[in-house]
Structures are given as C-alpha cells and as structure tokens.
Full PDB file with SEQRES, HELIX, SHEET, SSBOND, CRYST1, ORIGX, SCALE, CONECT and MASTER records, all heavy atoms in Angstrom:
SEQRES   1 A   28  ALA GLY GLY PRO TYR TRP SER GLY THR VAL LEU THR LEU          
SEQRES   2 A   28  SER PRO HIS GLU TYR ASP TYR TRP GLY GLN GLY THR GLN          
SEQRES   3 A   28  VAL THR                                                      
HELIX    1 AA1 PRO A   15  GLU A   17  5                                   3    
CRYST1    1.000    1.000    1.000  90.00  90.00  90.00 P 1           1          
ORIGX1      1.000000  0.000000  0.000000        0.00000                         
ORIGX2      0.000000  1.000000  0.000000        0.00000                         
ORIGX3      0.000000  0.000000  1.000000        0.00000                         
SCALE1      1.000000  0.000000  0.000000        0.00000                         
SCALE2      0.000000  1.000000  0.000000        0.00000                         
SCALE3      0.000000  0.000000  1.000000        0.00000                         
ATOM      1  N   ALA A   1      21.114 -25.778  70.480  1.00  0.00           N  
ATOM      2  CA  ALA A   1      21.029 -26.707  71.575  1.00  0.00           C  
ATOM      3  C   ALA A   1      22.355 -27.268  71.941  1.00  0.00           C  
ATOM      4  O   ALA A   1      23.145 -27.722  71.044  1.00  0.00           O  
ATOM      5  CB  ALA A   1      19.993 -27.854  71.353  1.00  0.00           C  
ATOM      6  N   GLY A   2      22.610 -27.514  73.236  1.00  0.00           N  
ATOM      7  CA  GLY A   2      23.942 -28.104  73.660  1.00  0.00           C  
ATOM      8  C   GLY A   2      23.607 -28.792  75.003  1.00  0.00           C  
ATOM      9  O   GLY A   2      22.700 -28.664  75.650  1.00  0.00           O  
ATOM     10  N   GLY A   3      24.673 -29.638  75.371  1.00  0.00           N  
ATOM     11  CA  GLY A   3      24.545 -30.286  76.583  1.00  0.00           C  
ATOM     12  C   GLY A   3      25.652 -31.270  76.951  1.00  0.00           C  
ATOM     13  O   GLY A   3      26.502 -31.456  76.098  1.00  0.00           O  
ATOM     14  N   PRO A   4      25.579 -31.902  78.080  1.00  0.00           N  
ATOM     15  CA  PRO A   4      24.631 -31.837  79.070  1.00  0.00           C  
ATOM     16  C   PRO A   4      24.768 -30.544  80.061  1.00  0.00           C  
ATOM     17  O   PRO A   4      25.843 -30.034  80.064  1.00  0.00           O  
ATOM     18  CB  PRO A   4      24.788 -33.071  79.981  1.00  0.00           C  
ATOM     19  CG  PRO A   4      26.233 -33.377  79.805  1.00  0.00           C  
ATOM     20  CD  PRO A   4      26.634 -32.921  78.389  1.00  0.00           C  
ATOM     21  N   TYR A   5      23.632 -30.129  80.716  1.00  0.00           N  
ATOM     22  CA  TYR A   5      23.714 -29.075  81.639  1.00  0.00           C  
ATOM     23  C   TYR A   5      23.639 -29.561  82.954  1.00  0.00           C  
ATOM     24  O   TYR A   5      22.843 -30.459  83.304  1.00  0.00           O  
ATOM     25  CB  TYR A   5      22.520 -28.118  81.285  1.00  0.00           C  
ATOM     26  CG  TYR A   5      22.465 -27.103  82.451  1.00  0.00           C  
ATOM     27  CD1 TYR A   5      23.181 -26.027  82.482  1.00  0.00           C  
ATOM     28  CD2 TYR A   5      21.474 -27.240  83.441  1.00  0.00           C  
ATOM     29  CE1 TYR A   5      23.088 -25.064  83.481  1.00  0.00           C  
ATOM     30  CE2 TYR A   5      21.303 -26.282  84.408  1.00  0.00           C  
ATOM     31  CZ  TYR A   5      22.151 -25.182  84.456  1.00  0.00           C  
ATOM     32  OH  TYR A   5      22.011 -24.273  85.433  1.00  0.00           O  
ATOM     33  N   TRP A   6      24.460 -29.101  83.856  1.00  0.00           N  
ATOM     34  CA  TRP A   6      24.545 -29.512  85.287  1.00  0.00           C  
ATOM     35  C   TRP A   6      24.023 -28.328  86.059  1.00  0.00           C  
ATOM     36  O   TRP A   6      24.563 -27.281  86.017  1.00  0.00           O  
ATOM     37  CB  TRP A   6      25.919 -29.882  85.596  1.00  0.00           C  
ATOM     38  CG  TRP A   6      26.454 -30.876  84.805  1.00  0.00           C  
ATOM     39  CD1 TRP A   6      27.425 -30.762  83.861  1.00  0.00           C  
ATOM     40  CD2 TRP A   6      26.216 -32.296  84.794  1.00  0.00           C  
ATOM     41  NE1 TRP A   6      27.672 -31.997  83.257  1.00  0.00           N  
ATOM     42  CE2 TRP A   6      26.889 -32.960  83.699  1.00  0.00           C  
ATOM     43  CE3 TRP A   6      25.320 -33.077  85.588  1.00  0.00           C  
ATOM     44  CZ2 TRP A   6      26.846 -34.260  83.552  1.00  0.00           C  
ATOM     45  CZ3 TRP A   6      25.203 -34.385  85.360  1.00  0.00           C  
ATOM     46  CH2 TRP A   6      26.038 -35.039  84.275  1.00  0.00           C  
ATOM     47  N   SER A   7      22.996 -28.545  86.825  1.00  0.00           N  
ATOM     48  CA  SER A   7      22.279 -27.541  87.732  1.00  0.00           C  
ATOM     49  C   SER A   7      23.341 -26.829  88.551  1.00  0.00           C  
ATOM     50  O   SER A   7      24.252 -27.511  89.174  1.00  0.00           O  
ATOM     51  CB  SER A   7      21.308 -28.162  88.602  1.00  0.00           C  
ATOM     52  OG  SER A   7      20.607 -27.246  89.323  1.00  0.00           O  
ATOM     53  N   GLY A   8      23.226 -25.492  88.611  1.00  0.00           N  
ATOM     54  CA  GLY A   8      24.129 -24.771  89.338  1.00  0.00           C  
ATOM     55  C   GLY A   8      25.308 -24.106  88.579  1.00  0.00           C  
ATOM     56  O   GLY A   8      26.099 -23.299  89.068  1.00  0.00           O  
ATOM     57  N   THR A   9      25.558 -24.595  87.327  1.00  0.00           N  
ATOM     58  CA  THR A   9      26.654 -24.092  86.588  1.00  0.00           C  
ATOM     59  C   THR A   9      26.174 -22.924  85.749  1.00  0.00           C  
ATOM     60  O   THR A   9      24.967 -22.758  85.453  1.00  0.00           O  
ATOM     61  CB  THR A   9      27.254 -25.213  85.639  1.00  0.00           C  
ATOM     62  OG1 THR A   9      26.188 -25.665  84.733  1.00  0.00           O  
ATOM     63  CG2 THR A   9      27.710 -26.496  86.368  1.00  0.00           C  
ATOM     64  N   VAL A  10      27.085 -22.159  85.191  1.00  0.00           N  
ATOM     65  CA  VAL A  10      26.772 -20.958  84.350  1.00  0.00           C  
ATOM     66  C   VAL A  10      26.515 -21.425  82.957  1.00  0.00           C  
ATOM     67  O   VAL A  10      27.518 -22.185  82.483  1.00  0.00           O  
ATOM     68  CB  VAL A  10      27.937 -19.929  84.514  1.00  0.00           C  
ATOM     69  CG1 VAL A  10      27.622 -18.757  83.588  1.00  0.00           C  
ATOM     70  CG2 VAL A  10      28.123 -19.520  85.914  1.00  0.00           C  
ATOM     71  N   LEU A  11      25.486 -21.072  82.326  1.00  0.00           N  
ATOM     72  CA  LEU A  11      25.264 -21.313  80.987  1.00  0.00           C  
ATOM     73  C   LEU A  11      26.253 -20.723  80.126  1.00  0.00           C  
ATOM     74  O   LEU A  11      26.689 -19.568  80.257  1.00  0.00           O  
ATOM     75  CB  LEU A  11      23.841 -20.919  80.608  1.00  0.00           C  
ATOM     76  CG  LEU A  11      22.712 -21.691  81.228  1.00  0.00           C  
ATOM     77  CD1 LEU A  11      21.484 -20.847  81.170  1.00  0.00           C  
ATOM     78  CD2 LEU A  11      22.481 -22.913  80.524  1.00  0.00           C  
ATOM     79  N   THR A  12      26.725 -21.527  79.098  1.00  0.00           N  
ATOM     80  CA  THR A  12      27.750 -21.085  78.184  1.00  0.00           C  
ATOM     81  C   THR A  12      27.342 -20.102  77.169  1.00  0.00           C  
ATOM     82  O   THR A  12      26.076 -20.238  76.691  1.00  0.00           O  
ATOM     83  CB  THR A  12      28.448 -22.277  77.529  1.00  0.00           C  
ATOM     84  OG1 THR A  12      29.493 -21.822  76.692  1.00  0.00           O  
ATOM     85  CG2 THR A  12      27.508 -23.119  76.598  1.00  0.00           C  
ATOM     86  N   LEU A  13      28.167 -19.204  76.820  1.00  0.00           N  
ATOM     87  CA  LEU A  13      27.855 -18.307  75.719  1.00  0.00           C  
ATOM     88  C   LEU A  13      28.642 -18.496  74.466  1.00  0.00           C  
ATOM     89  O   LEU A  13      28.508 -17.716  73.423  1.00  0.00           O  
ATOM     90  CB  LEU A  13      27.938 -16.784  76.137  1.00  0.00           C  
ATOM     91  CG  LEU A  13      29.244 -16.321  76.896  1.00  0.00           C  
ATOM     92  CD1 LEU A  13      30.356 -16.354  76.023  1.00  0.00           C  
ATOM     93  CD2 LEU A  13      28.998 -15.013  77.558  1.00  0.00           C  
ATOM     94  N   SER A  14      29.437 -19.621  74.420  1.00  0.00           N  
ATOM     95  CA  SER A  14      30.251 -19.862  73.330  1.00  0.00           C  
ATOM     96  C   SER A  14      29.531 -20.832  72.335  1.00  0.00           C  
ATOM     97  O   SER A  14      28.904 -21.791  72.626  1.00  0.00           O  
ATOM     98  CB  SER A  14      31.531 -20.696  73.758  1.00  0.00           C  
ATOM     99  OG  SER A  14      32.145 -21.206  72.659  1.00  0.00           O  
ATOM    100  N   PRO A  15      29.384 -20.358  71.139  1.00  0.00           N  
ATOM    101  CA  PRO A  15      28.714 -21.067  70.091  1.00  0.00           C  
ATOM    102  C   PRO A  15      29.317 -22.447  69.812  1.00  0.00           C  
ATOM    103  O   PRO A  15      28.718 -23.334  69.455  1.00  0.00           O  
ATOM    104  CB  PRO A  15      28.801 -20.272  68.782  1.00  0.00           C  
ATOM    105  CG  PRO A  15      29.941 -19.309  69.043  1.00  0.00           C  
ATOM    106  CD  PRO A  15      29.968 -19.053  70.548  1.00  0.00           C  
ATOM    107  N   HIS A  16      30.616 -22.591  70.199  1.00  0.00           N  
ATOM    108  CA  HIS A  16      31.310 -23.907  69.985  1.00  0.00           C  
ATOM    109  C   HIS A  16      30.815 -25.011  70.974  1.00  0.00           C  
ATOM    110  O   HIS A  16      31.080 -26.088  70.700  1.00  0.00           O  
ATOM    111  CB  HIS A  16      32.819 -23.690  70.147  1.00  0.00           C  
ATOM    112  CG  HIS A  16      33.418 -22.610  69.307  1.00  0.00           C  
ATOM    113  ND1 HIS A  16      33.418 -22.884  67.877  1.00  0.00           N  
ATOM    114  CD2 HIS A  16      33.877 -21.413  69.554  1.00  0.00           C  
ATOM    115  CE1 HIS A  16      33.992 -21.808  67.339  1.00  0.00           C  
ATOM    116  NE2 HIS A  16      34.240 -20.897  68.259  1.00  0.00           N  
ATOM    117  N   GLU A  17      29.992 -24.544  71.943  1.00  0.00           N  
ATOM    118  CA  GLU A  17      29.652 -25.611  72.956  1.00  0.00           C  
ATOM    119  C   GLU A  17      28.076 -25.838  72.766  1.00  0.00           C  
ATOM    120  O   GLU A  17      27.416 -26.451  73.610  1.00  0.00           O  
ATOM    121  CB  GLU A  17      29.750 -25.076  74.352  1.00  0.00           C  
ATOM    122  CG  GLU A  17      31.330 -24.881  74.672  1.00  0.00           C  
ATOM    123  CD  GLU A  17      31.589 -24.594  76.135  1.00  0.00           C  
ATOM    124  OE1 GLU A  17      31.011 -25.246  77.006  1.00  0.00           O  
ATOM    125  OE2 GLU A  17      32.399 -23.704  76.380  1.00  0.00           O  
ATOM    126  N   TYR A  18      27.661 -25.558  71.472  1.00  0.00           N  
ATOM    127  CA  TYR A  18      26.303 -25.918  71.188  1.00  0.00           C  
ATOM    128  C   TYR A  18      26.409 -26.910  70.042  1.00  0.00           C  
ATOM    129  O   TYR A  18      27.151 -26.667  69.049  1.00  0.00           O  
ATOM    130  CB  TYR A  18      25.481 -24.781  70.740  1.00  0.00           C  
ATOM    131  CG  TYR A  18      25.048 -23.838  71.880  1.00  0.00           C  
ATOM    132  CD1 TYR A  18      26.011 -22.944  72.521  1.00  0.00           C  
ATOM    133  CD2 TYR A  18      23.811 -23.844  72.546  1.00  0.00           C  
ATOM    134  CE1 TYR A  18      25.669 -22.197  73.568  1.00  0.00           C  
ATOM    135  CE2 TYR A  18      23.465 -23.041  73.611  1.00  0.00           C  
ATOM    136  CZ  TYR A  18      24.461 -22.294  74.139  1.00  0.00           C  
ATOM    137  OH  TYR A  18      24.063 -21.478  75.302  1.00  0.00           O  
ATOM    138  N   ASP A  19      25.644 -28.037  70.075  1.00  0.00           N  
ATOM    139  CA  ASP A  19      25.776 -29.145  69.150  1.00  0.00           C  
ATOM    140  C   ASP A  19      24.863 -29.016  67.953  1.00  0.00           C  
ATOM    141  O   ASP A  19      25.092 -29.523  66.792  1.00  0.00           O  
ATOM    142  CB  ASP A  19      25.565 -30.469  69.900  1.00  0.00           C  
ATOM    143  CG  ASP A  19      26.517 -30.505  71.035  1.00  0.00           C  
ATOM    144  OD1 ASP A  19      27.737 -30.343  70.835  1.00  0.00           O  
ATOM    145  OD2 ASP A  19      26.112 -30.900  72.161  1.00  0.00           O  
ATOM    146  N   TYR A  20      23.688 -28.500  68.100  1.00  0.00           N  
ATOM    147  CA  TYR A  20      22.677 -28.467  67.163  1.00  0.00           C  
ATOM    148  C   TYR A  20      22.263 -27.045  66.801  1.00  0.00           C  
ATOM    149  O   TYR A  20      22.039 -26.186  67.802  1.00  0.00           O  
ATOM    150  CB  TYR A  20      21.413 -29.191  67.583  1.00  0.00           C  
ATOM    151  CG  TYR A  20      21.865 -30.755  67.877  1.00  0.00           C  
ATOM    152  CD1 TYR A  20      21.994 -31.052  69.295  1.00  0.00           C  
ATOM    153  CD2 TYR A  20      22.095 -31.668  66.987  1.00  0.00           C  
ATOM    154  CE1 TYR A  20      22.316 -32.411  69.672  1.00  0.00           C  
ATOM    155  CE2 TYR A  20      22.473 -32.900  67.339  1.00  0.00           C  
ATOM    156  CZ  TYR A  20      22.583 -33.340  68.665  1.00  0.00           C  
ATOM    157  OH  TYR A  20      22.993 -34.553  69.007  1.00  0.00           O  
ATOM    158  N   TRP A  21      21.876 -26.750  65.613  1.00  0.00           N  
ATOM    159  CA  TRP A  21      21.565 -25.354  65.266  1.00  0.00           C  
ATOM    160  C   TRP A  21      20.350 -25.504  64.312  1.00  0.00           C  
ATOM    161  O   TRP A  21      20.118 -26.335  63.478  1.00  0.00           O  
ATOM    162  CB  TRP A  21      22.685 -24.644  64.520  1.00  0.00           C  
ATOM    163  CG  TRP A  21      23.753 -24.383  65.352  1.00  0.00           C  
ATOM    164  CD1 TRP A  21      24.806 -25.302  65.718  1.00  0.00           C  
ATOM    165  CD2 TRP A  21      24.134 -23.153  65.990  1.00  0.00           C  
ATOM    166  NE1 TRP A  21      25.719 -24.670  66.482  1.00  0.00           N  
ATOM    167  CE2 TRP A  21      25.285 -23.308  66.822  1.00  0.00           C  
ATOM    168  CE3 TRP A  21      23.465 -21.909  66.042  1.00  0.00           C  
ATOM    169  CZ2 TRP A  21      25.862 -22.329  67.550  1.00  0.00           C  
ATOM    170  CZ3 TRP A  21      24.006 -20.915  66.862  1.00  0.00           C  
ATOM    171  CH2 TRP A  21      25.197 -21.162  67.626  1.00  0.00           C  
ATOM    172  N   GLY A  22      19.464 -24.420  64.378  1.00  0.00           N  
ATOM    173  CA  GLY A  22      18.402 -24.203  63.514  1.00  0.00           C  
ATOM    174  C   GLY A  22      18.835 -23.488  62.301  1.00  0.00           C  
ATOM    175  O   GLY A  22      20.073 -23.087  62.152  1.00  0.00           O  
ATOM    176  N   GLN A  23      17.892 -23.225  61.356  1.00  0.00           N  
ATOM    177  CA  GLN A  23      18.292 -22.577  60.006  1.00  0.00           C  
ATOM    178  C   GLN A  23      18.218 -21.057  60.111  1.00  0.00           C  
ATOM    179  O   GLN A  23      18.851 -20.402  59.245  1.00  0.00           O  
ATOM    180  CB  GLN A  23      17.266 -22.982  58.931  1.00  0.00           C  
ATOM    181  CG  GLN A  23      15.946 -22.300  58.979  1.00  0.00           C  
ATOM    182  CD  GLN A  23      15.081 -22.604  60.159  1.00  0.00           C  
ATOM    183  OE1 GLN A  23      15.283 -23.525  60.886  1.00  0.00           O  
ATOM    184  NE2 GLN A  23      14.001 -21.844  60.176  1.00  0.00           N  
ATOM    185  N   GLY A  24      17.742 -20.521  61.186  1.00  0.00           N  
ATOM    186  CA  GLY A  24      17.772 -19.146  61.420  1.00  0.00           C  
ATOM    187  C   GLY A  24      16.504 -18.427  60.839  1.00  0.00           C  
ATOM    188  O   GLY A  24      15.811 -18.875  59.976  1.00  0.00           O  
ATOM    189  N   THR A  25      16.153 -17.306  61.535  1.00  0.00           N  
ATOM    190  CA  THR A  25      15.061 -16.459  61.163  1.00  0.00           C  
ATOM    191  C   THR A  25      15.484 -14.993  61.073  1.00  0.00           C  
ATOM    192  O   THR A  25      16.168 -14.518  62.050  1.00  0.00           O  
ATOM    193  CB  THR A  25      13.886 -16.676  62.074  1.00  0.00           C  
ATOM    194  OG1 THR A  25      12.739 -15.970  61.504  1.00  0.00           O  
ATOM    195  CG2 THR A  25      14.101 -16.295  63.488  1.00  0.00           C  
ATOM    196  N   GLN A  26      15.064 -14.322  60.097  1.00  0.00           N  
ATOM    197  CA  GLN A  26      15.521 -12.933  59.849  1.00  0.00           C  
ATOM    198  C   GLN A  26      14.693 -11.890  60.804  1.00  0.00           C  
ATOM    199  O   GLN A  26      13.500 -11.999  60.794  1.00  0.00           O  
ATOM    200  CB  GLN A  26      15.504 -12.454  58.460  1.00  0.00           C  
ATOM    201  CG  GLN A  26      15.809 -11.049  58.203  1.00  0.00           C  
ATOM    202  CD  GLN A  26      17.265 -10.731  58.372  1.00  0.00           C  
ATOM    203  OE1 GLN A  26      18.175 -11.429  57.950  1.00  0.00           O  
ATOM    204  NE2 GLN A  26      17.570  -9.661  59.115  1.00  0.00           N  
ATOM    205  N   VAL A  27      15.395 -11.106  61.550  1.00  0.00           N  
ATOM    206  CA  VAL A  27      14.702 -10.022  62.289  1.00  0.00           C  
ATOM    207  C   VAL A  27      15.292  -8.701  61.836  1.00  0.00           C  
ATOM    208  O   VAL A  27      16.570  -8.454  61.662  1.00  0.00           O  
ATOM    209  CB  VAL A  27      14.917 -10.092  63.874  1.00  0.00           C  
ATOM    210  CG1 VAL A  27      14.479  -8.846  64.509  1.00  0.00           C  
ATOM    211  CG2 VAL A  27      14.329 -11.330  64.344  1.00  0.00           C  
ATOM    212  N   THR A  28      14.423  -7.838  61.309  1.00  0.00           N  
ATOM    213  CA  THR A  28      14.822  -6.483  60.730  1.00  0.00           C  
ATOM    214  C   THR A  28      14.121  -5.486  61.499  1.00  0.00           C  
ATOM    215  O   THR A  28      12.761  -5.439  61.609  1.00  0.00           O  
ATOM    216  CB  THR A  28      14.536  -6.393  59.266  1.00  0.00           C  
ATOM    217  OG1 THR A  28      15.175  -7.482  58.563  1.00  0.00           O  
ATOM    218  CG2 THR A  28      14.994  -5.071  58.709  1.00  0.00           C  
TER     219      THR A  28                                                      
MASTER        0    0    0    1    0    0    0    6  218    1    0    3          
END                                                                             
C-alpha cells in the first residue's frame, strides 16, 4: 500500500513508492 493517490495520475510501479507490505504468499 502506498499513497496518497491523486485521481487522474498514473499508478506507480516502483516498490520504493509503497509504504506498507504484507508477508507474502507463495504461488507455484
């Protein structure tokens, strides 16, 4: 999760612009 988001802007794909992270889930 990251923010704030401003309507009309392009969502970021950089992990550095996300503030909170989950623990992860494995997909095989």
